[in-house]
Amino acid sequence: MDTWITPALISAVVLLVTQAILFINWWYRNKRDSDIHRVFLYDVATNHLPHLYHGMKQLAKAQGIELEDPPPVQFIQFNGKHK
């Protein structure tokens, strides 16, 4: 064994590799959760809100209340991409 390879150096390398793996795992999960939340909100806004507004309008009409049309769903993309 060479003199420059010490148990402290091996421990430090193992610690750094472990920290890097844990950081990459955390970063990937965080990125994935963000993507899942974005897709979920888009789905709710485009597929479910119109049905909810329609049902709410029917309930209001049955009670004699006239509602305005719901606002259109618009998304703002900060990265320059539009869906």
PDB file of N, CA and C in Angstrom:
ATOM      1  N   MET A   1       0.835  -1.174   0.000  1.00  0.00           N
ATOM      2  CA  MET A   1       0.000   0.000   0.000  1.00  0.00           C
ATOM      3  C   MET A   1       0.881   1.239   0.000  1.00  0.00           C
ATOM      4  N   ASP A   2       0.542   2.202  -0.838  1.00  0.00           N
ATOM      5  CA  ASP A   2       1.329   3.433  -0.901  1.00  0.00           C
ATOM      6  C   ASP A   2       1.148   4.238   0.373  1.00  0.00           C
ATOM      7  N   THR A   3       2.092   5.119   0.610  1.00  0.00           N
ATOM      8  CA  THR A   3       2.045   5.904   1.846  1.00  0.00           C
ATOM      9  C   THR A   3       1.022   7.043   1.769  1.00  0.00           C
ATOM     10  N   TRP A   4       0.656   7.477   0.579  1.00  0.00           N
ATOM     11  CA  TRP A   4      -0.289   8.592   0.477  1.00  0.00           C
ATOM     12  C   TRP A   4      -1.744   8.149   0.598  1.00  0.00           C
ATOM     13  N   ILE A   5      -2.015   6.841   0.497  1.00  0.00           N
ATOM     14  CA  ILE A   5      -3.367   6.328   0.673  1.00  0.00           C
ATOM     15  C   ILE A   5      -3.531   5.940   2.142  1.00  0.00           C
ATOM     16  N   THR A   6      -4.269   6.757   2.849  1.00  0.00           N
ATOM     17  CA  THR A   6      -4.465   6.532   4.283  1.00  0.00           C
ATOM     18  C   THR A   6      -5.936   6.206   4.544  1.00  0.00           C
ATOM     19  N   PRO A   7      -6.214   5.641   5.691  1.00  0.00           N
ATOM     20  CA  PRO A   7      -7.621   5.385   6.020  1.00  0.00           C
ATOM     21  C   PRO A   7      -8.454   6.668   6.055  1.00  0.00           C
ATOM     22  N   ALA A   8      -7.874   7.768   6.445  1.00  0.00           N
ATOM     23  CA  ALA A   8      -8.603   9.040   6.471  1.00  0.00           C
ATOM     24  C   ALA A   8      -8.962   9.477   5.054  1.00  0.00           C
ATOM     25  N   LEU A   9      -8.044   9.298   4.112  1.00  0.00           N
ATOM     26  CA  LEU A   9      -8.316   9.656   2.722  1.00  0.00           C
ATOM     27  C   LEU A   9      -9.406   8.757   2.140  1.00  0.00           C
ATOM     28  N   ILE A  10      -9.340   7.475   2.431  1.00  0.00           N
ATOM     29  CA  ILE A  10     -10.361   6.546   1.943  1.00  0.00           C
ATOM     30  C   ILE A  10     -11.726   6.926   2.528  1.00  0.00           C
ATOM     31  N   SER A  11     -11.756   7.240   3.808  1.00  0.00           N
ATOM     32  CA  SER A  11     -13.005   7.654   4.451  1.00  0.00           C
ATOM     33  C   SER A  11     -13.559   8.923   3.815  1.00  0.00           C
ATOM     34  N   ALA A  12     -12.685   9.876   3.534  1.00  0.00           N
ATOM     35  CA  ALA A  12     -13.122  11.135   2.923  1.00  0.00           C
ATOM     36  C   ALA A  12     -13.682  10.894   1.524  1.00  0.00           C
ATOM     37  N   VAL A  13     -13.045  10.038   0.747  1.00  0.00           N
ATOM     38  CA  VAL A  13     -13.519   9.744  -0.606  1.00  0.00           C
ATOM     39  C   VAL A  13     -14.878   9.036  -0.543  1.00  0.00           C
ATOM     40  N   VAL A  14     -15.009   8.069   0.346  1.00  0.00           N
ATOM     41  CA  VAL A  14     -16.287   7.362   0.495  1.00  0.00           C
ATOM     42  C   VAL A  14     -17.377   8.342   0.923  1.00  0.00           C
ATOM     43  N   LEU A  15     -17.048   9.234   1.849  1.00  0.00           N
ATOM     44  CA  LEU A  15     -18.013  10.230   2.306  1.00  0.00           C
ATOM     45  C   LEU A  15     -18.436  11.154   1.165  1.00  0.00           C
ATOM     46  N   LEU A  16     -17.486  11.642   0.381  1.00  0.00           N
ATOM     47  CA  LEU A  16     -17.808  12.531  -0.731  1.00  0.00           C
ATOM     48  C   LEU A  16     -18.647  11.835  -1.805  1.00  0.00           C
ATOM     49  N   VAL A  17     -18.321  10.597  -2.109  1.00  0.00           N
ATOM     50  CA  VAL A  17     -19.094   9.848  -3.103  1.00  0.00           C
ATOM     51  C   VAL A  17     -20.517   9.618  -2.596  1.00  0.00           C
ATOM     52  N   THR A  18     -20.635   9.263  -1.333  1.00  0.00           N
ATOM     53  CA  THR A  18     -21.961   9.052  -0.749  1.00  0.00           C
ATOM     54  C   THR A  18     -22.777  10.342  -0.775  1.00  0.00           C
ATOM     55  N   GLN A  19     -22.158  11.459  -0.395  1.00  0.00           N
ATOM     56  CA  GLN A  19     -22.846  12.751  -0.418  1.00  0.00           C
ATOM     57  C   GLN A  19     -23.282  13.108  -1.840  1.00  0.00           C
ATOM     58  N   ALA A  20     -22.423  12.854  -2.819  1.00  0.00           N
ATOM     59  CA  ALA A  20     -22.765  13.161  -4.206  1.00  0.00           C
ATOM     60  C   ALA A  20     -23.943  12.307  -4.676  1.00  0.00           C
ATOM     61  N   ILE A  21     -23.943  11.034  -4.328  1.00  0.00           N
ATOM     62  CA  ILE A  21     -25.045  10.158  -4.725  1.00  0.00           C
ATOM     63  C   ILE A  21     -26.348  10.606  -4.073  1.00  0.00           C
ATOM     64  N   LEU A  22     -26.304  10.934  -2.790  1.00  0.00           N
ATOM     65  CA  LEU A  22     -27.512  11.396  -2.101  1.00  0.00           C
ATOM     66  C   LEU A  22     -28.012  12.716  -2.680  1.00  0.00           C
ATOM     67  N   PHE A  23     -27.104  13.632  -3.036  1.00  0.00           N
ATOM     68  CA  PHE A  23     -27.509  14.901  -3.624  1.00  0.00           C
ATOM     69  C   PHE A  23     -28.160  14.692  -4.987  1.00  0.00           C
ATOM     70  N   ILE A  24     -27.574  13.850  -5.819  1.00  0.00           N
ATOM     71  CA  ILE A  24     -28.134  13.594  -7.150  1.00  0.00           C
ATOM     72  C   ILE A  24     -29.505  12.930  -7.017  1.00  0.00           C
ATOM     73  N   ASN A  25     -29.641  12.017  -6.069  1.00  0.00           N
ATOM     74  CA  ASN A  25     -30.934  11.374  -5.835  1.00  0.00           C
ATOM     75  C   ASN A  25     -31.970  12.409  -5.388  1.00  0.00           C
ATOM     76  N   TRP A  26     -31.623  13.290  -4.463  1.00  0.00           N
ATOM     77  CA  TRP A  26     -32.537  14.341  -4.003  1.00  0.00           C
ATOM     78  C   TRP A  26     -32.905  15.273  -5.155  1.00  0.00           C
ATOM     79  N   TRP A  27     -31.927  15.667  -5.936  1.00  0.00           N
ATOM     80  CA  TRP A  27     -32.165  16.595  -7.044  1.00  0.00           C
ATOM     81  C   TRP A  27     -33.108  15.963  -8.082  1.00  0.00           C
ATOM     82  N   TYR A  28     -32.884  14.695  -8.400  1.00  0.00           N
ATOM     83  CA  TYR A  28     -33.732  14.011  -9.368  1.00  0.00           C
ATOM     84  C   TYR A  28     -35.167  13.915  -8.859  1.00  0.00           C
ATOM     85  N   ARG A  29     -35.355  13.542  -7.591  1.00  0.00           N
ATOM     86  CA  ARG A  29     -36.706  13.450  -7.035  1.00  0.00           C
ATOM     87  C   ARG A  29     -37.394  14.802  -7.016  1.00  0.00           C
ATOM     88  N   ASN A  30     -36.652  15.840  -6.659  1.00  0.00           N
ATOM     89  CA  ASN A  30     -37.206  17.189  -6.628  1.00  0.00           C
ATOM     90  C   ASN A  30     -37.645  17.616  -8.025  1.00  0.00           C
ATOM     91  N   LYS A  31     -36.817  17.353  -9.014  1.00  0.00           N
ATOM     92  CA  LYS A  31     -37.152  17.689 -10.406  1.00  0.00           C
ATOM     93  C   LYS A  31     -38.367  16.892 -10.867  1.00  0.00           C
ATOM     94  N   ARG A  32     -38.403  15.623 -10.554  1.00  0.00           N
ATOM     95  CA  ARG A  32     -39.515  14.760 -10.960  1.00  0.00           C
ATOM     96  C   ARG A  32     -40.823  15.199 -10.289  1.00  0.00           C
ATOM     97  N   ASP A  33     -40.769  15.512  -8.997  1.00  0.00           N
ATOM     98  CA  ASP A  33     -41.969  15.986  -8.301  1.00  0.00           C
ATOM     99  C   ASP A  33     -42.485  17.272  -8.917  1.00  0.00           C
ATOM    100  N   SER A  34     -41.575  18.156  -9.296  1.00  0.00           N
ATOM    101  CA  SER A  34     -41.971  19.407  -9.933  1.00  0.00           C
ATOM    102  C   SER A  34     -42.678  19.141 -11.258  1.00  0.00           C
ATOM    103  N   ASP A  35     -42.154  18.212 -12.037  1.00  0.00           N
ATOM    104  CA  ASP A  35     -42.785  17.857 -13.313  1.00  0.00           C
ATOM    105  C   ASP A  35     -44.171  17.248 -13.095  1.00  0.00           C
ATOM    106  N   ILE A  36     -44.292  16.384 -12.093  1.00  0.00           N
ATOM    107  CA  ILE A  36     -45.575  15.756 -11.807  1.00  0.00           C
ATOM    108  C   ILE A  36     -46.596  16.800 -11.369  1.00  0.00           C
ATOM    109  N   HIS A  37     -46.200  17.740 -10.518  1.00  0.00           N
ATOM    110  CA  HIS A  37     -47.110  18.798 -10.078  1.00  0.00           C
ATOM    111  C   HIS A  37     -47.559  19.663 -11.254  1.00  0.00           C
ATOM    112  N   ARG A  38     -46.643  19.984 -12.140  1.00  0.00           N
ATOM    113  CA  ARG A  38     -46.985  20.821 -13.287  1.00  0.00           C
ATOM    114  C   ARG A  38     -48.005  20.120 -14.190  1.00  0.00           C
ATOM    115  N   VAL A  39     -47.791  18.844 -14.464  1.00  0.00           N
ATOM    116  CA  VAL A  39     -48.714  18.086 -15.318  1.00  0.00           C
ATOM    117  C   VAL A  39     -50.065  17.934 -14.627  1.00  0.00           C
ATOM    118  N   PHE A  40     -50.061  17.696 -13.322  1.00  0.00           N
ATOM    119  CA  PHE A  40     -51.308  17.545 -12.582  1.00  0.00           C
ATOM    120  C   PHE A  40     -52.126  18.840 -12.619  1.00  0.00           C
ATOM    121  N   LEU A  41     -51.492  19.967 -12.359  1.00  0.00           N
ATOM    122  CA  LEU A  41     -52.212  21.242 -12.381  1.00  0.00           C
ATOM    123  C   LEU A  41     -52.740  21.559 -13.777  1.00  0.00           C
ATOM    124  N   TYR A  42     -51.961  21.267 -14.797  1.00  0.00           N
ATOM    125  CA  TYR A  42     -52.412  21.495 -16.168  1.00  0.00           C
ATOM    126  C   TYR A  42     -53.637  20.637 -16.469  1.00  0.00           C
ATOM    127  N   ASP A  43     -53.598  19.379 -16.042  1.00  0.00           N
ATOM    128  CA  ASP A  43     -54.721  18.466 -16.275  1.00  0.00           C
ATOM    129  C   ASP A  43     -55.965  18.944 -15.533  1.00  0.00           C
ATOM    130  N   VAL A  44     -55.819  19.333 -14.290  1.00  0.00           N
ATOM    131  CA  VAL A  44     -56.976  19.810 -13.517  1.00  0.00           C
ATOM    132  C   VAL A  44     -57.575  21.046 -14.173  1.00  0.00           C
ATOM    133  N   ALA A  45     -56.737  21.963 -14.582  1.00  0.00           N
ATOM    134  CA  ALA A  45     -57.240  23.219 -15.154  1.00  0.00           C
ATOM    135  C   ALA A  45     -57.903  23.014 -16.509  1.00  0.00           C
ATOM    136  N   THR A  46     -57.382  22.129 -17.319  1.00  0.00           N
ATOM    137  CA  THR A  46     -57.927  21.986 -18.668  1.00  0.00           C
ATOM    138  C   THR A  46     -59.046  20.957 -18.761  1.00  0.00           C
ATOM    139  N   ASN A  47     -59.036  19.930 -17.899  1.00  0.00           N
ATOM    140  CA  ASN A  47     -60.033  18.870 -18.009  1.00  0.00           C
ATOM    141  C   ASN A  47     -61.135  18.934 -16.956  1.00  0.00           C
ATOM    142  N   HIS A  48     -60.816  19.379 -15.765  1.00  0.00           N
ATOM    143  CA  HIS A  48     -61.785  19.296 -14.681  1.00  0.00           C
ATOM    144  C   HIS A  48     -62.467  20.634 -14.372  1.00  0.00           C
ATOM    145  N   LEU A  49     -61.753  21.726 -14.453  1.00  0.00           N
ATOM    146  CA  LEU A  49     -62.370  23.024 -14.159  1.00  0.00           C
ATOM    147  C   LEU A  49     -63.566  23.338 -15.050  1.00  0.00           C
ATOM    148  N   PRO A  50     -63.502  23.083 -16.354  1.00  0.00           N
ATOM    149  CA  PRO A  50     -64.688  23.359 -17.168  1.00  0.00           C
ATOM    150  C   PRO A  50     -65.925  22.584 -16.701  1.00  0.00           C
ATOM    151  N   HIS A  51     -65.739  21.334 -16.271  1.00  0.00           N
ATOM    152  CA  HIS A  51     -66.874  20.546 -15.770  1.00  0.00           C
ATOM    153  C   HIS A  51     -67.386  21.105 -14.450  1.00  0.00           C
ATOM    154  N   LEU A  52     -66.477  21.532 -13.589  1.00  0.00           N
ATOM    155  CA  LEU A  52     -66.894  22.121 -12.320  1.00  0.00           C
ATOM    156  C   LEU A  52     -67.666  23.420 -12.545  1.00  0.00           C
ATOM    157  N   TYR A  53     -67.160  24.255 -13.446  1.00  0.00           N
ATOM    158  CA  TYR A  53     -67.861  25.505 -13.758  1.00  0.00           C
ATOM    159  C   TYR A  53     -69.249  25.219 -14.343  1.00  0.00           C
ATOM    160  N   HIS A  54     -69.339  24.212 -15.197  1.00  0.00           N
ATOM    161  CA  HIS A  54     -70.624  23.856 -15.810  1.00  0.00           C
ATOM    162  C   HIS A  54     -71.617  23.403 -14.729  1.00  0.00           C
ATOM    163  N   GLY A  55     -71.166  22.542 -13.830  1.00  0.00           N
ATOM    164  CA  GLY A  55     -72.033  22.082 -12.756  1.00  0.00           C
ATOM    165  C   GLY A  55     -72.451  23.214 -11.826  1.00  0.00           C
ATOM    166  N   MET A  56     -71.509  24.085 -11.518  1.00  0.00           N
ATOM    167  CA  MET A  56     -71.825  25.227 -10.668  1.00  0.00           C
ATOM    168  C   MET A  56     -72.848  26.146 -11.338  1.00  0.00           C
ATOM    169  N   LYS A  57     -72.710  26.321 -12.639  1.00  0.00           N
ATOM    170  CA  LYS A  57     -73.649  27.164 -13.378  1.00  0.00           C
ATOM    171  C   LYS A  57     -75.038  26.533 -13.383  1.00  0.00           C
ATOM    172  N   GLN A  58     -75.124  25.213 -13.521  1.00  0.00           N
ATOM    173  CA  GLN A  58     -76.422  24.538 -13.493  1.00  0.00           C
ATOM    174  C   GLN A  58     -77.075  24.655 -12.116  1.00  0.00           C
ATOM    175  N   LEU A  59     -76.295  24.508 -11.053  1.00  0.00           N
ATOM    176  CA  LEU A  59     -76.840  24.656  -9.704  1.00  0.00           C
ATOM    177  C   LEU A  59     -77.344  26.079  -9.471  1.00  0.00           C
ATOM    178  N   ALA A  60     -76.562  27.049  -9.917  1.00  0.00           N
ATOM    179  CA  ALA A  60     -76.973  28.445  -9.748  1.00  0.00           C
ATOM    180  C   ALA A  60     -78.236  28.735 -10.549  1.00  0.00           C
ATOM    181  N   LYS A  61     -78.318  28.180 -11.754  1.00  0.00           N
ATOM    182  CA  LYS A  61     -79.500  28.408 -12.601  1.00  0.00           C
ATOM    183  C   LYS A  61     -80.743  27.792 -11.958  1.00  0.00           C
ATOM    184  N   ALA A  62     -80.594  26.632 -11.327  1.00  0.00           N
ATOM    185  CA  ALA A  62     -81.727  25.987 -10.658  1.00  0.00           C
ATOM    186  C   ALA A  62     -82.228  26.816  -9.484  1.00  0.00           C
ATOM    187  N   GLN A  63     -81.344  27.608  -8.888  1.00  0.00           N
ATOM    188  CA  GLN A  63     -81.731  28.457  -7.759  1.00  0.00           C
ATOM    189  C   GLN A  63     -82.083  29.872  -8.202  1.00  0.00           C
ATOM    190  N   GLY A  64     -82.078  30.114  -9.503  1.00  0.00           N
ATOM    191  CA  GLY A  64     -82.449  31.417 -10.022  1.00  0.00           C
ATOM    192  C   GLY A  64     -81.343  32.445  -9.997  1.00  0.00           C
ATOM    193  N   ILE A  65     -80.114  32.009  -9.906  1.00  0.00           N
ATOM    194  CA  ILE A  65     -78.966  32.922  -9.888  1.00  0.00           C
ATOM    195  C   ILE A  65     -78.303  32.870 -11.255  1.00  0.00           C
ATOM    196  N   GLU A  66     -78.042  34.026 -11.811  1.00  0.00           N
ATOM    197  CA  GLU A  66     -77.374  34.093 -13.122  1.00  0.00           C
ATOM    198  C   GLU A  66     -75.894  34.377 -12.901  1.00  0.00           C
ATOM    199  N   LEU A  67     -75.049  33.505 -13.405  1.00  0.00           N
ATOM    200  CA  LEU A  67     -73.599  33.669 -13.277  1.00  0.00           C
ATOM    201  C   LEU A  67     -72.997  34.092 -14.607  1.00  0.00           C
ATOM    202  N   GLU A  68     -71.890  34.812 -14.515  1.00  0.00           N
ATOM    203  CA  GLU A  68     -71.147  35.174 -15.719  1.00  0.00           C
ATOM    204  C   GLU A  68     -70.391  33.946 -16.211  1.00  0.00           C
ATOM    205  N   ASP A  69     -69.934  34.030 -17.453  1.00  0.00           N
ATOM    206  CA  ASP A  69     -69.115  32.945 -17.982  1.00  0.00           C
ATOM    207  C   ASP A  69     -67.799  32.878 -17.212  1.00  0.00           C
ATOM    208  N   PRO A  70     -67.276  31.678 -17.016  1.00  0.00           N
ATOM    209  CA  PRO A  70     -66.012  31.554 -16.277  1.00  0.00           C
ATOM    210  C   PRO A  70     -64.856  32.131 -17.098  1.00  0.00           C
ATOM    211  N   PRO A  71     -63.806  32.554 -16.418  1.00  0.00           N
ATOM    212  CA  PRO A  71     -62.652  33.080 -17.152  1.00  0.00           C
ATOM    213  C   PRO A  71     -61.930  31.961 -17.898  1.00  0.00           C
ATOM    214  N   PRO A  72     -61.304  32.286 -19.012  1.00  0.00           N
ATOM    215  CA  PRO A  72     -60.553  31.245 -19.727  1.00  0.00           C
ATOM    216  C   PRO A  72     -59.300  30.850 -18.941  1.00  0.00           C
ATOM    217  N   VAL A  73     -58.921  29.613 -19.099  1.00  0.00           N
ATOM    218  CA  VAL A  73     -57.727  29.113 -18.425  1.00  0.00           C
ATOM    219  C   VAL A  73     -56.516  29.507 -19.256  1.00  0.00           C
ATOM    220  N   GLN A  74     -55.583  30.192 -18.615  1.00  0.00           N
ATOM    221  CA  GLN A  74     -54.357  30.607 -19.297  1.00  0.00           C
ATOM    222  C   GLN A  74     -53.162  30.193 -18.450  1.00  0.00           C
ATOM    223  N   PHE A  75     -52.120  29.734 -19.101  1.00  0.00           N
ATOM    224  CA  PHE A  75     -50.901  29.353 -18.416  1.00  0.00           C
ATOM    225  C   PHE A  75     -49.774  30.277 -18.851  1.00  0.00           C
ATOM    226  N   ILE A  76     -48.950  30.644 -17.906  1.00  0.00           N
ATOM    227  CA  ILE A  76     -47.777  31.469 -18.199  1.00  0.00           C
ATOM    228  C   ILE A  76     -46.562  30.568 -18.103  1.00  0.00           C
ATOM    229  N   GLN A  77     -45.811  30.486 -19.175  1.00  0.00           N
ATOM    230  CA  GLN A  77     -44.593  29.689 -19.188  1.00  0.00           C
ATOM    231  C   GLN A  77     -43.400  30.639 -19.131  1.00  0.00           C
ATOM    232  N   PHE A  78     -42.578  30.477 -18.126  1.00  0.00           N
ATOM    233  CA  PHE A  78     -41.431  31.354 -17.955  1.00  0.00           C
ATOM    234  C   PHE A  78     -40.196  30.897 -18.729  1.00  0.00           C
ATOM    235  N   ASN A  79     -40.219  29.661 -19.242  1.00  0.00           N
ATOM    236  CA  ASN A  79     -39.044  29.160 -19.949  1.00  0.00           C
ATOM    237  C   ASN A  79     -39.166  29.306 -21.461  1.00  0.00           C
ATOM    238  N   GLY A  80     -40.191  29.997 -21.940  1.00  0.00           N
ATOM    239  CA  GLY A  80     -40.338  30.240 -23.362  1.00  0.00           C
ATOM    240  C   GLY A  80     -41.100  29.171 -24.109  1.00  0.00           C
ATOM    241  N   LYS A  81     -41.483  28.078 -23.446  1.00  0.00           N
ATOM    242  CA  LYS A  81     -42.218  27.014 -24.097  1.00  0.00           C
ATOM    243  C   LYS A  81     -43.704  27.197 -23.802  1.00  0.00           C
ATOM    244  N   HIS A  82     -44.538  26.941 -24.785  1.00  0.00           N
ATOM    245  CA  HIS A  82     -45.975  27.055 -24.609  1.00  0.00           C
ATOM    246  C   HIS A  82     -46.613  25.690 -24.866  1.00  0.00           C
ATOM    247  N   LYS A  83     -47.572  25.335 -24.051  1.00  0.00           N
ATOM    248  CA  LYS A  83     -48.284  24.067 -24.264  1.00  0.00           C
ATOM    249  C   LYS A  83     -49.478  24.309 -25.129  1.00  0.00           C
TER     250      LYS A  83
END
